[in-house]
Amino acid sequence: MSVQSHQSEWNAGSMGCGELLINLRKKITELKPGQVIKLTALDGGALEDIPAWCKLTGHTLVQASHPLYFIQRRIHE
């Protein structure tokens, strides 16, 4: 995995996906549109939940290689 530029970083550890997604929503709203957060999520459910959440919310999953996920905040609100 190549190094992805990011403006924020959050290590969610082994946090379960329900709690993880609620907290991720808070973290991503702190970013400006187009900025990227680097997320470390150890929970096995993140493999399916993070891409699905991005699709539902309109944010872009720029790069993913469990447990690292790079998510770009959507540009248009």
Protein backbone atom coordinates (compact mmCIF):
# COMPACT_ATOMS: atom_id res chain seq x y z
CA MET A 1 0.00 0.00 0.00
CA SER A 2 1.44 3.36 -0.99
CA VAL A 3 1.45 6.28 1.41
CA GLN A 4 -1.78 8.28 1.06
CA SER A 5 -1.84 11.98 1.91
CA HIS A 6 -4.22 12.76 4.76
CA GLN A 7 -5.14 15.71 6.97
CA SER A 8 -6.43 13.77 9.98
CA GLU A 9 -5.74 10.44 11.63
CA TRP A 10 -7.80 8.32 14.01
CA ASN A 11 -7.00 4.97 15.58
CA ALA A 12 -10.31 3.33 16.46
CA GLY A 13 -8.51 0.22 17.72
CA SER A 14 -10.85 -2.74 18.13
CA MET A 15 -13.96 -0.57 18.54
CA GLY A 16 -17.07 -2.36 17.26
CA CYS A 17 -18.55 -1.11 14.02
CA GLY A 18 -21.69 0.49 15.48
CA GLU A 19 -19.70 2.73 17.79
CA LEU A 20 -16.94 3.11 15.19
CA LEU A 21 -19.32 4.48 12.54
CA ILE A 22 -20.95 6.93 14.97
CA ASN A 23 -17.54 8.27 15.97
CA LEU A 24 -16.29 8.27 12.37
CA ARG A 25 -19.22 10.50 11.40
CA LYS A 26 -18.13 12.99 14.08
CA LYS A 27 -14.49 12.83 12.97
CA ILE A 28 -15.26 13.30 9.28
CA THR A 29 -17.47 16.35 9.90
CA GLU A 30 -14.40 18.03 11.44
CA LEU A 31 -12.73 17.87 8.02
CA LYS A 32 -13.20 20.32 5.19
CA PRO A 33 -14.82 18.90 2.04
CA GLY A 34 -12.22 16.97 0.03
CA GLN A 35 -9.91 16.33 2.99
CA VAL A 36 -8.86 12.78 3.91
CA ILE A 37 -8.85 10.93 7.23
CA LYS A 38 -6.60 7.94 7.88
CA LEU A 39 -8.56 5.42 9.94
CA THR A 40 -7.12 2.39 11.70
CA ALA A 41 -9.92 -0.06 12.53
CA LEU A 42 -9.02 -3.52 13.83
CA ASP A 43 -12.58 -4.88 14.06
CA GLY A 44 -13.13 -7.59 11.44
CA GLY A 45 -16.51 -6.13 10.52
CA ALA A 46 -14.80 -2.98 9.24
CA LEU A 47 -13.87 -4.85 6.05
CA GLU A 48 -17.51 -4.68 4.94
CA ASP A 49 -18.90 -1.87 7.09
CA ILE A 50 -16.49 0.94 6.12
CA PRO A 51 -17.00 0.59 2.33
CA ALA A 52 -20.78 0.29 2.83
CA TRP A 53 -20.85 3.37 5.09
CA CYS A 54 -18.86 5.37 2.52
CA LYS A 55 -21.27 4.38 -0.23
CA LEU A 56 -24.31 5.31 1.89
CA THR A 57 -22.91 8.67 3.00
CA GLY A 58 -21.30 9.76 -0.25
CA HIS A 59 -17.76 9.88 1.14
CA THR A 60 -14.99 8.30 -0.94
CA LEU A 61 -13.02 5.30 0.22
CA VAL A 62 -9.74 6.35 -1.36
CA GLN A 63 -7.67 3.39 -0.21
CA ALA A 64 -8.29 0.36 1.97
CA SER A 65 -6.07 -2.42 3.23
CA HIS A 66 -7.41 -3.72 6.53
CA PRO A 67 -6.84 -2.31 9.13
CA LEU A 68 -6.02 0.97 7.32
CA TYR A 69 -8.70 3.01 5.55
CA PHE A 70 -8.33 6.40 3.87
CA ILE A 71 -11.65 8.22 3.52
CA GLN A 72 -12.19 11.49 1.70
CA ARG A 73 -14.98 13.75 2.92
CA ARG A 74 -17.51 14.33 0.18
CA ILE A 75 -17.06 17.59 -1.66
CA HIS A 76 -20.75 18.48 -2.09
CA GLU A 77 -22.98 18.58 0.99
